[in-house]
Protein backbone atom coordinates (compact mmCIF):
# COMPACT_ATOMS: atom_id res chain seq x y z
CA UNK A 1 19.98 -54.03 66.32
CA UNK A 2 22.82 -51.52 66.43
CA UNK A 3 22.95 -48.84 69.09
CA UNK A 4 22.51 -45.44 67.47
CA UNK A 5 22.28 -43.36 70.63
CA UNK A 6 24.38 -40.19 70.66
CA UNK A 7 27.67 -40.29 72.49
CA UNK A 8 28.65 -37.92 75.28
CA UNK A 9 30.79 -36.05 72.74
CA UNK A 10 27.80 -35.78 70.40
CA UNK A 11 25.62 -34.34 73.14
CA UNK A 12 28.26 -31.83 74.18
CA UNK A 13 28.72 -30.68 70.59
CA UNK A 14 24.94 -30.29 70.19
CA UNK A 15 24.67 -28.32 73.42
CA UNK A 16 27.39 -25.89 72.44
CA UNK A 17 25.75 -25.38 69.03
CA UNK A 18 22.42 -24.58 70.67
CA UNK A 19 24.06 -21.57 72.33
CA UNK A 20 25.36 -20.11 69.07
CA UNK A 21 22.10 -18.72 67.65
CA UNK A 22 18.40 -18.48 68.33
CA UNK A 23 16.61 -19.14 71.61
CA UNK A 24 15.82 -22.52 73.18
CA UNK A 25 13.99 -23.76 76.27
CA UNK A 26 15.90 -26.04 78.62
CA UNK A 27 13.29 -27.50 81.03
CA UNK A 28 14.26 -29.03 84.35
CA UNK A 29 13.35 -32.67 85.14
CA UNK A 30 13.99 -34.13 88.58
CA UNK A 31 14.10 -37.86 87.84
CA UNK A 32 14.42 -40.29 84.94
CA UNK A 33 10.69 -40.44 84.20
CA UNK A 34 10.30 -36.68 83.89
CA UNK A 35 13.53 -36.41 81.89
CA UNK A 36 12.39 -38.98 79.35
CA UNK A 37 8.97 -37.43 79.01
CA UNK A 38 10.45 -33.97 78.40
CA UNK A 39 12.77 -35.49 75.80
CA UNK A 40 9.74 -37.03 74.07
CA UNK A 41 8.18 -33.58 73.73
CA UNK A 42 11.06 -32.49 71.52
CA UNK A 43 13.12 -30.34 73.88
CA UNK A 44 16.67 -30.19 72.56
CA UNK A 45 18.35 -30.14 75.97
CA UNK A 46 17.51 -30.57 79.66
CA UNK A 47 18.82 -29.15 82.92
CA UNK A 48 18.78 -30.58 86.41
CA UNK A 49 17.05 -28.76 89.26
CA UNK A 50 18.68 -28.84 92.67
CA UNK A 51 15.42 -27.91 94.41
CA UNK A 52 13.25 -30.36 92.48
CA UNK A 53 15.57 -33.27 93.13
CA UNK A 54 16.11 -32.32 96.77
CA UNK A 55 12.40 -32.03 97.51
CA UNK A 56 11.73 -35.38 95.81
CA UNK A 57 14.34 -36.88 98.14
CA UNK A 58 12.79 -35.23 101.21
CA UNK A 59 15.49 -32.58 101.60
CA UNK A 60 15.46 -28.78 101.50
CA UNK A 61 17.20 -27.24 98.51
CA UNK A 62 20.95 -27.17 99.03
CA UNK A 63 21.01 -29.94 101.65
CA UNK A 64 22.13 -32.76 99.38
CA UNK A 65 25.71 -33.88 99.29
CA UNK A 66 28.02 -33.79 96.31
CA UNK A 67 28.15 -37.54 95.71
CA UNK A 68 24.37 -37.91 95.80
CA UNK A 69 24.01 -35.12 93.27
CA UNK A 70 26.71 -36.54 90.99
CA UNK A 71 24.96 -39.91 90.99
CA UNK A 72 21.75 -38.14 89.98
CA UNK A 73 23.51 -36.45 87.03
CA UNK A 74 24.95 -39.75 85.83
CA UNK A 75 21.54 -41.42 86.06
CA UNK A 76 19.95 -38.71 83.91
CA UNK A 77 22.73 -38.60 81.33
CA UNK A 78 22.61 -42.38 80.97
CA UNK A 79 18.82 -42.35 80.60
CA UNK A 80 18.48 -39.65 77.93
CA UNK A 81 19.74 -38.83 74.46
CA UNK A 82 19.75 -35.04 74.72
CA UNK A 83 22.36 -32.82 76.39
CA UNK A 84 22.06 -32.31 80.14
CA UNK A 85 23.15 -29.17 81.99
CA UNK A 86 24.00 -29.70 85.66
CA UNK A 87 22.81 -27.25 88.31
CA UNK A 88 26.06 -27.73 90.22
CA UNK A 89 25.13 -25.18 92.88
CA UNK A 90 28.27 -23.54 94.32
CA UNK A 91 30.49 -26.37 93.10
CA UNK A 92 30.13 -27.96 96.55
CA UNK A 93 33.17 -26.03 97.74
CA UNK A 94 34.29 -22.54 98.63
CA UNK A 95 37.95 -22.56 97.62
CA UNK A 96 38.76 -22.38 93.89
CA UNK A 97 41.02 -25.45 94.01
CA UNK A 98 38.25 -27.57 95.50
CA UNK A 99 35.74 -26.19 92.98
CA UNK A 100 38.08 -27.29 90.20
CA UNK A 101 38.32 -30.82 91.61
CA UNK A 102 34.56 -31.09 91.95
CA UNK A 103 33.93 -29.75 88.45
CA UNK A 104 36.19 -32.53 87.13
CA UNK A 105 34.00 -35.05 88.95
CA UNK A 106 30.89 -33.43 87.50
CA UNK A 107 32.27 -33.61 83.96
CA UNK A 108 32.94 -37.33 84.46
CA UNK A 109 29.18 -37.96 84.84
CA UNK A 110 28.67 -37.16 81.16
CA UNK A 111 26.94 -33.78 81.46
CA UNK A 112 27.13 -31.40 78.51
CA UNK A 113 27.19 -28.28 80.67
CA UNK A 114 27.27 -27.12 84.27
CA UNK A 115 26.53 -23.95 86.20
CA UNK A 116 28.41 -22.48 89.14
CA UNK A 117 26.77 -20.08 91.62
CA UNK A 118 28.58 -17.21 93.34
CA UNK A 119 26.90 -17.68 96.72
CA UNK A 120 28.13 -19.97 99.50
CA UNK A 121 26.12 -22.49 101.47
CA UNK A 122 26.02 -20.13 104.44
CA UNK A 123 24.34 -16.96 105.63
CA UNK A 124 26.82 -14.89 103.60
CA UNK A 125 24.87 -13.75 100.52
CA UNK A 126 27.71 -13.75 97.98
CA UNK A 127 31.39 -14.57 97.66
CA UNK A 128 33.50 -11.45 97.47
CA UNK A 129 34.18 -10.33 93.92
CA UNK A 130 37.77 -11.61 93.61
CA UNK A 131 36.93 -15.00 95.10
CA UNK A 132 33.90 -15.35 92.86
CA UNK A 133 35.97 -14.66 89.76
CA UNK A 134 38.71 -17.04 90.89
CA UNK A 135 36.12 -19.79 91.30
CA UNK A 136 34.94 -19.38 87.69
CA UNK A 137 38.55 -19.43 86.49
CA UNK A 138 39.06 -22.66 88.41
CA UNK A 139 35.96 -24.23 86.86
CA UNK A 140 37.13 -23.13 83.42
CA UNK A 141 40.54 -24.69 83.99
CA UNK A 142 38.97 -28.01 84.97
CA UNK A 143 36.83 -28.01 81.82
CA UNK A 144 39.82 -27.16 79.65
CA UNK A 145 41.84 -30.01 81.16
CA UNK A 146 38.97 -32.36 80.29
CA UNK A 147 38.85 -31.23 76.67
CA UNK A 148 37.00 -27.93 76.81
CA UNK A 149 33.73 -29.09 75.29
CA UNK A 150 31.51 -28.72 78.38
CA UNK A 151 29.54 -25.45 78.46
CA UNK A 152 30.27 -23.41 81.60
CA UNK A 153 27.48 -21.19 82.92
CA UNK A 154 28.31 -18.62 85.59
CA UNK A 155 25.52 -17.42 87.85
CA UNK A 156 25.25 -14.09 89.68
CA UNK A 157 22.95 -14.89 92.60
CA UNK A 158 22.41 -11.29 93.80
CA UNK A 159 18.66 -11.13 93.27
CA UNK A 160 18.07 -14.52 94.92
CA UNK A 161 20.20 -13.63 97.95
CA UNK A 162 18.72 -10.24 98.81
CA UNK A 163 21.35 -8.13 97.03
CA UNK A 164 19.21 -6.67 94.24
CA UNK A 165 21.95 -4.52 92.73
CA UNK A 166 21.85 -4.75 88.93
CA UNK A 167 25.12 -2.85 88.56
CA UNK A 168 26.89 -5.45 90.69
CA UNK A 169 25.21 -8.27 88.76
CA UNK A 170 26.52 -6.84 85.50
CA UNK A 171 29.99 -6.24 86.96
CA UNK A 172 30.13 -9.84 88.11
CA UNK A 173 28.77 -11.36 84.89
CA UNK A 174 31.21 -9.38 82.76
CA UNK A 175 34.09 -10.59 84.91
CA UNK A 176 32.85 -14.18 84.74
CA UNK A 177 32.71 -13.94 80.95
CA UNK A 178 36.33 -12.80 80.89
CA UNK A 179 37.22 -15.59 83.34
CA UNK A 180 35.96 -18.19 80.87
CA UNK A 181 32.21 -18.60 81.31
CA UNK A 182 30.44 -19.59 78.09
CA UNK A 183 26.95 -18.57 79.25
CA UNK A 184 25.82 -16.01 81.84
CA UNK A 185 22.87 -16.25 84.20
CA UNK A 186 21.31 -13.87 86.74
CA UNK A 187 18.39 -15.75 88.32
CA UNK A 188 15.85 -13.47 89.94
CA UNK A 189 15.89 -10.63 87.44
CA UNK A 190 12.38 -10.23 86.08
CA UNK A 191 11.76 -7.01 84.16
CA UNK A 192 12.34 -6.32 80.50
CA UNK A 193 14.77 -3.55 81.40
CA UNK A 194 16.84 -5.84 83.61
CA UNK A 195 16.92 -8.62 81.04
CA UNK A 196 17.91 -6.35 78.17
CA UNK A 197 20.59 -4.69 80.31
CA UNK A 198 22.17 -8.05 81.17
CA UNK A 199 22.02 -9.27 77.56
CA UNK A 200 23.65 -6.08 76.29
CA UNK A 201 26.30 -6.09 79.01
CA UNK A 202 27.70 -9.54 78.22
CA UNK A 203 27.10 -9.68 74.46
CA UNK A 204 27.98 -11.65 72.42
CA UNK A 205 28.00 -14.29 75.17
CA UNK A 206 24.62 -16.08 75.54
CA UNK A 207 22.34 -15.41 78.50
CA UNK A 208 20.12 -17.90 80.36
CA UNK A 209 16.88 -16.53 81.81
CA UNK A 210 14.87 -18.20 84.58
CA UNK A 211 11.26 -17.77 83.49
CA UNK A 212 8.03 -18.01 85.44
CA UNK A 213 4.33 -17.38 84.91
CA UNK A 214 4.38 -14.19 86.97
CA UNK A 215 6.73 -12.50 84.50
CA UNK A 216 4.35 -12.91 81.58
CA UNK A 217 7.08 -13.54 79.00
CA UNK A 218 6.71 -16.03 76.16
CA UNK A 219 9.59 -17.69 74.35
CA UNK A 220 9.12 -15.20 71.51
CA UNK A 221 9.23 -12.27 73.94
CA UNK A 222 12.50 -13.42 75.48
CA UNK A 223 14.03 -14.24 72.11
CA UNK A 224 13.27 -10.69 71.00
CA UNK A 225 15.12 -9.40 74.07
CA UNK A 226 18.19 -11.40 73.06
CA UNK A 227 17.88 -14.25 75.57
CA UNK A 228 19.49 -17.39 74.18
CA UNK A 229 18.42 -20.00 76.76
CA UNK A 230 15.29 -20.24 78.94
CA UNK A 231 15.10 -22.48 82.01
CA UNK A 232 12.32 -23.02 84.55
CA UNK A 233 14.26 -24.15 87.63
CA UNK A 234 12.18 -26.14 90.08
CA UNK A 235 8.82 -24.92 88.75
CA UNK A 236 7.84 -28.15 86.98
CA UNK A 237 8.74 -30.13 90.10
CA UNK A 238 6.66 -27.76 92.20
CA UNK A 239 3.71 -28.24 89.83
CA UNK A 240 3.84 -31.96 90.60
CA UNK A 241 4.37 -31.49 94.34
CA UNK A 242 1.58 -28.91 94.52
CA UNK A 243 -0.89 -31.29 92.85
CA UNK A 244 0.17 -34.10 95.19
CA UNK A 245 -0.19 -31.94 98.31
CA UNK A 246 -3.56 -30.62 97.24
CA UNK A 247 -5.00 -34.09 96.45
CA UNK A 248 -3.55 -35.73 99.57
CA UNK A 249 -4.73 -32.90 101.82
CA UNK A 250 -8.23 -33.19 100.39
CA UNK A 251 -8.31 -36.89 101.29
CA UNK A 252 -6.97 -36.32 104.81
CA UNK A 253 -9.11 -33.28 105.57
CA UNK A 254 -12.36 -33.90 103.69
CA UNK A 255 -12.37 -37.59 102.82
CA UNK A 256 -12.74 -36.69 99.15
CA UNK A 257 -10.84 -37.93 96.12
CA UNK A 258 -11.70 -35.19 93.63
CA UNK A 259 -8.01 -34.52 93.07
CA UNK A 260 -7.80 -37.73 91.04
CA UNK A 261 -10.24 -36.43 88.42
CA UNK A 262 -8.89 -36.25 84.88
CA UNK A 263 -5.57 -37.98 85.60
CA UNK A 264 -3.57 -39.72 82.92
CA UNK A 265 -4.19 -43.45 83.30
CA UNK A 266 -1.75 -46.10 84.44
CA UNK A 267 -2.01 -47.95 81.06
CA UNK A 268 -1.22 -44.71 79.22
CA UNK A 269 1.91 -44.16 81.27
CA UNK A 270 2.88 -47.81 80.95
CA UNK A 271 2.56 -47.57 77.17
CA UNK A 272 4.60 -44.37 77.01
CA UNK A 273 7.48 -45.73 79.07
CA UNK A 274 7.37 -49.11 77.32
CA UNK A 275 7.58 -47.43 73.91
CA UNK A 276 10.23 -45.02 75.22
CA UNK A 277 12.44 -47.85 76.46
CA UNK A 278 12.20 -49.54 73.07
CA UNK A 279 13.33 -46.34 71.37
CA UNK A 280 16.26 -45.94 73.73
CA UNK A 281 17.41 -49.52 73.10
CA UNK A 282 17.17 -49.27 69.31
């Protein structure tokens, strides 16, 4: 039977097209099983989660090394047929030249897109403006050298790092757009006014929004605000970890196993992954 799986080039073309119109959800798996299940639900693209993968490996978010993360990206791209966006944190470097080298390594894993944060792995909340812009330019240059088809997302981390200044967020995102970012992202903004201000400020470039239950926004709500891409970060991974902690704690503390009630069965999961493997090999 011939292999009809999409190529890396196919997935990158699809991912870029998804950003051109409409609004799509890009959920965040943290291993091959969750990635394949999300693909089976019909999601058109997936994104890694640094926190979800780190916690599954017994690490705090941000503690994993570059090579471990790159191996994770390659595993997910090899295991799925939809585009994968890499949460490449701060590029695993401070200096623009090193960011460029690491972005080249990230591209080599087969990802269709990658995001770069403007906060260092230190107590300093944000890179200074000029350095932050230079880092996006360096990432853009690495993508262009590799063919230019990988989608570059630039993140303004202000609201996650205690610098809740929307004017500075917008200033940074506009500069990142000029520096070559294809998609803009300000995780931590949460009100309609903030979202609409960011969308308007960087138009016509697409905006990614990190959604959560507390915000109360549906896909339709965010589409109406002009959001092009919706991600959930580590929330799905935390759903799984929360259920595990709750059930395990109940056993340890109360000697009860009520947390196992209503679970999907082992045969059901076996059947899903057996059927899924057959589809991937066809």
